[in-house]
Amino acid sequence: MPQTGFLGAAEWLRLAAAPTFALMAVVTGVQEAAQPAMLCMTTVDAWPLGAMTQMYLLMAVFHAGPWLVLASRRSRADPGPR
């Protein structure tokens, strides 16, 4: 039964968080890759993902819970052919 009103909006907001942070990580990673590397970085210390990209990826992982719940509900509801 679909929810309406504030509860329905809250559910959509929960589902919107992880993809939004993942998209922010991609955009930030592309922007960081376009910037010239710092002169003081060595190849040993060079990490392809900057701090902001790592933060957005971590936030996307932490907000993936509602997607995992949704996927587990669907897998239980439709087990598929065996």
N, C-alpha and C. Protein backbone atom coordinates (compact mmCIF):
# COMPACT_ATOMS: atom_id res chain seq x y z
N MET A 1 0.84 -1.18 0.00
CA MET A 1 0.00 0.00 0.00
C MET A 1 0.89 1.24 0.00
N PRO A 2 0.82 2.07 -1.03
CA PRO A 2 1.69 3.25 -1.09
C PRO A 2 1.28 4.30 -0.05
N GLN A 3 2.27 4.95 0.48
CA GLN A 3 2.01 5.98 1.48
C GLN A 3 1.89 7.32 0.77
N THR A 4 1.08 8.19 1.35
CA THR A 4 0.92 9.52 0.79
C THR A 4 1.28 10.54 1.85
N GLY A 5 1.39 11.76 1.45
CA GLY A 5 1.68 12.84 2.40
C GLY A 5 3.14 12.85 2.81
N PHE A 6 3.35 13.24 4.06
CA PHE A 6 4.71 13.40 4.57
C PHE A 6 5.45 12.08 4.66
N LEU A 7 4.76 10.99 5.01
CA LEU A 7 5.44 9.70 5.11
C LEU A 7 5.93 9.24 3.75
N GLY A 8 5.14 9.43 2.72
CA GLY A 8 5.56 9.07 1.37
C GLY A 8 6.74 9.91 0.91
N ALA A 9 6.70 11.21 1.21
CA ALA A 9 7.81 12.09 0.84
C ALA A 9 9.09 11.71 1.58
N ALA A 10 8.95 11.34 2.85
CA ALA A 10 10.13 10.94 3.62
C ALA A 10 10.75 9.67 3.04
N GLU A 11 9.90 8.75 2.60
CA GLU A 11 10.42 7.51 1.99
C GLU A 11 11.18 7.82 0.70
N TRP A 12 10.63 8.71 -0.11
CA TRP A 12 11.33 9.09 -1.34
C TRP A 12 12.63 9.82 -1.04
N LEU A 13 12.66 10.64 -0.01
CA LEU A 13 13.90 11.33 0.37
C LEU A 13 14.96 10.33 0.82
N ARG A 14 14.54 9.31 1.57
CA ARG A 14 15.49 8.27 2.00
C ARG A 14 16.09 7.56 0.80
N LEU A 15 15.27 7.30 -0.21
CA LEU A 15 15.77 6.62 -1.41
C LEU A 15 16.61 7.55 -2.28
N ALA A 16 16.40 8.85 -2.18
CA ALA A 16 17.13 9.79 -3.03
C ALA A 16 18.54 10.08 -2.52
N ALA A 17 18.82 9.82 -1.25
CA ALA A 17 20.11 10.21 -0.66
C ALA A 17 21.29 9.48 -1.29
N ALA A 18 21.24 8.16 -1.38
CA ALA A 18 22.39 7.39 -1.88
C ALA A 18 22.74 7.73 -3.33
N PRO A 19 21.76 7.76 -4.27
CA PRO A 19 22.13 8.11 -5.64
C PRO A 19 22.63 9.56 -5.77
N THR A 20 22.09 10.44 -4.93
CA THR A 20 22.55 11.83 -4.98
C THR A 20 24.01 11.93 -4.56
N PHE A 21 24.38 11.26 -3.47
CA PHE A 21 25.77 11.29 -3.03
C PHE A 21 26.69 10.58 -4.02
N ALA A 22 26.21 9.50 -4.64
CA ALA A 22 27.02 8.81 -5.65
C ALA A 22 27.28 9.73 -6.85
N LEU A 23 26.24 10.45 -7.28
CA LEU A 23 26.41 11.39 -8.39
C LEU A 23 27.36 12.51 -8.01
N MET A 24 27.26 13.00 -6.77
CA MET A 24 28.17 14.05 -6.31
C MET A 24 29.61 13.54 -6.29
N ALA A 25 29.81 12.27 -5.93
CA ALA A 25 31.15 11.69 -5.94
C ALA A 25 31.71 11.63 -7.35
N VAL A 26 30.88 11.25 -8.31
CA VAL A 26 31.34 11.18 -9.71
C VAL A 26 31.71 12.56 -10.21
N VAL A 27 30.83 13.54 -9.99
CA VAL A 27 31.09 14.90 -10.46
C VAL A 27 32.34 15.47 -9.81
N THR A 28 32.48 15.28 -8.51
CA THR A 28 33.66 15.79 -7.80
C THR A 28 34.92 15.08 -8.27
N GLY A 29 34.83 13.76 -8.49
CA GLY A 29 35.99 13.02 -8.99
C GLY A 29 36.43 13.49 -10.36
N VAL A 30 35.47 13.78 -11.23
CA VAL A 30 35.81 14.30 -12.57
C VAL A 30 36.45 15.67 -12.46
N GLN A 31 35.91 16.51 -11.60
CA GLN A 31 36.49 17.85 -11.42
C GLN A 31 37.89 17.77 -10.83
N GLU A 32 38.09 16.87 -9.87
CA GLU A 32 39.42 16.73 -9.27
C GLU A 32 40.42 16.16 -10.27
N ALA A 33 39.96 15.27 -11.15
CA ALA A 33 40.86 14.69 -12.16
C ALA A 33 41.25 15.73 -13.20
N ALA A 34 40.38 16.72 -13.43
CA ALA A 34 40.68 17.74 -14.43
C ALA A 34 41.69 18.77 -13.93
N GLN A 35 41.86 18.87 -12.62
CA GLN A 35 42.81 19.83 -12.06
C GLN A 35 44.21 19.27 -12.16
N PRO A 36 45.19 20.10 -12.43
CA PRO A 36 46.57 19.60 -12.47
C PRO A 36 47.03 19.09 -11.12
N ALA A 37 47.83 18.05 -11.14
CA ALA A 37 48.34 17.45 -9.90
C ALA A 37 49.26 18.43 -9.18
N MET A 38 49.29 18.31 -7.87
CA MET A 38 50.17 19.17 -7.08
C MET A 38 51.62 18.73 -7.32
N LEU A 39 52.52 19.67 -7.32
CA LEU A 39 53.92 19.37 -7.58
C LEU A 39 54.56 18.57 -6.46
N CYS A 40 54.05 18.70 -5.25
CA CYS A 40 54.69 18.01 -4.13
C CYS A 40 54.23 16.55 -4.01
N MET A 41 53.26 16.12 -4.80
CA MET A 41 52.80 14.74 -4.72
C MET A 41 53.77 13.82 -5.45
N THR A 42 54.07 12.72 -4.85
CA THR A 42 54.88 11.71 -5.51
C THR A 42 53.96 10.61 -6.01
N THR A 43 54.46 9.75 -6.86
CA THR A 43 53.61 8.69 -7.40
C THR A 43 53.22 7.68 -6.32
N VAL A 44 54.03 7.54 -5.28
CA VAL A 44 53.70 6.62 -4.20
C VAL A 44 52.54 7.17 -3.38
N ASP A 45 52.54 8.48 -3.14
CA ASP A 45 51.52 9.11 -2.33
C ASP A 45 50.26 9.47 -3.12
N ALA A 46 50.32 9.40 -4.42
CA ALA A 46 49.19 9.84 -5.22
C ALA A 46 48.02 8.87 -5.07
N TRP A 47 46.86 9.39 -4.74
CA TRP A 47 45.64 8.59 -4.63
C TRP A 47 44.66 9.17 -5.63
N PRO A 48 44.08 8.35 -6.48
CA PRO A 48 43.24 8.89 -7.54
C PRO A 48 41.97 9.58 -7.06
N LEU A 49 41.53 9.29 -5.85
CA LEU A 49 40.32 9.91 -5.33
C LEU A 49 40.67 10.96 -4.30
N GLY A 50 40.17 12.16 -4.49
CA GLY A 50 40.41 13.22 -3.53
C GLY A 50 39.56 13.04 -2.29
N ALA A 51 39.79 13.90 -1.31
CA ALA A 51 39.10 13.79 -0.02
C ALA A 51 37.59 13.96 -0.16
N MET A 52 37.14 14.91 -0.97
CA MET A 52 35.71 15.14 -1.13
C MET A 52 35.05 13.96 -1.84
N THR A 53 35.72 13.40 -2.83
CA THR A 53 35.17 12.24 -3.53
C THR A 53 35.03 11.07 -2.57
N GLN A 54 36.03 10.84 -1.75
CA GLN A 54 35.96 9.76 -0.76
C GLN A 54 34.81 9.99 0.22
N MET A 55 34.63 11.23 0.65
CA MET A 55 33.55 11.54 1.59
C MET A 55 32.20 11.26 0.95
N TYR A 56 31.99 11.69 -0.30
CA TYR A 56 30.71 11.46 -0.97
C TYR A 56 30.47 9.97 -1.19
N LEU A 57 31.49 9.20 -1.53
CA LEU A 57 31.32 7.76 -1.68
C LEU A 57 30.94 7.11 -0.36
N LEU A 58 31.59 7.53 0.71
CA LEU A 58 31.28 6.99 2.03
C LEU A 58 29.85 7.33 2.43
N MET A 59 29.42 8.55 2.15
CA MET A 59 28.05 8.94 2.47
C MET A 59 27.05 8.14 1.63
N ALA A 60 27.37 7.86 0.39
CA ALA A 60 26.49 7.05 -0.46
C ALA A 60 26.36 5.64 0.11
N VAL A 61 27.46 5.08 0.59
CA VAL A 61 27.43 3.74 1.19
C VAL A 61 26.58 3.75 2.47
N PHE A 62 26.76 4.76 3.32
CA PHE A 62 26.00 4.84 4.56
C PHE A 62 24.51 5.02 4.31
N HIS A 63 24.15 5.68 3.20
CA HIS A 63 22.74 5.92 2.90
C HIS A 63 22.15 4.84 1.98
N ALA A 64 22.85 3.75 1.75
CA ALA A 64 22.36 2.68 0.89
C ALA A 64 21.38 1.75 1.61
N GLY A 65 21.21 1.90 2.89
CA GLY A 65 20.32 1.04 3.67
C GLY A 65 18.90 0.94 3.13
N PRO A 66 18.23 2.06 2.83
CA PRO A 66 16.87 1.95 2.29
C PRO A 66 16.80 1.19 0.97
N TRP A 67 17.84 1.29 0.15
CA TRP A 67 17.87 0.53 -1.10
C TRP A 67 18.02 -0.96 -0.83
N LEU A 68 18.81 -1.31 0.17
CA LEU A 68 18.97 -2.73 0.52
C LEU A 68 17.67 -3.30 1.09
N VAL A 69 16.96 -2.51 1.88
CA VAL A 69 15.66 -2.95 2.41
C VAL A 69 14.68 -3.14 1.26
N LEU A 70 14.64 -2.19 0.34
CA LEU A 70 13.75 -2.29 -0.81
C LEU A 70 14.07 -3.52 -1.66
N ALA A 71 15.33 -3.77 -1.88
CA ALA A 71 15.74 -4.93 -2.67
C ALA A 71 15.39 -6.23 -1.96
N SER A 72 15.55 -6.27 -0.64
CA SER A 72 15.22 -7.50 0.08
C SER A 72 13.71 -7.75 0.09
N ARG A 73 12.92 -6.69 0.16
CA ARG A 73 11.46 -6.84 0.09
C ARG A 73 11.04 -7.40 -1.26
N ARG A 74 11.63 -6.87 -2.31
CA ARG A 74 11.26 -7.33 -3.66
C ARG A 74 11.72 -8.76 -3.90
N SER A 75 12.88 -9.13 -3.37
CA SER A 75 13.36 -10.48 -3.60
C SER A 75 12.51 -11.51 -2.84
N ARG A 76 11.98 -11.12 -1.68
CA ARG A 76 11.10 -12.01 -0.94
C ARG A 76 9.73 -12.11 -1.60
N ALA A 77 9.26 -11.01 -2.18
CA ALA A 77 7.93 -10.99 -2.79
C ALA A 77 7.91 -11.76 -4.12
N ASP A 78 9.02 -11.73 -4.88
CA ASP A 78 9.09 -12.38 -6.18
C ASP A 78 10.34 -13.25 -6.24
N PRO A 79 10.26 -14.49 -5.76
CA PRO A 79 11.46 -15.34 -5.76
C PRO A 79 11.90 -15.75 -7.15
N GLY A 80 11.02 -15.64 -8.15
CA GLY A 80 11.40 -16.00 -9.53
C GLY A 80 11.39 -17.49 -9.76
N PRO A 81 11.68 -17.90 -11.00
CA PRO A 81 11.67 -19.33 -11.31
C PRO A 81 12.85 -20.05 -10.65
N ARG A 82 12.58 -21.27 -10.26
CA ARG A 82 13.65 -22.08 -9.63
C ARG A 82 13.86 -23.33 -10.40
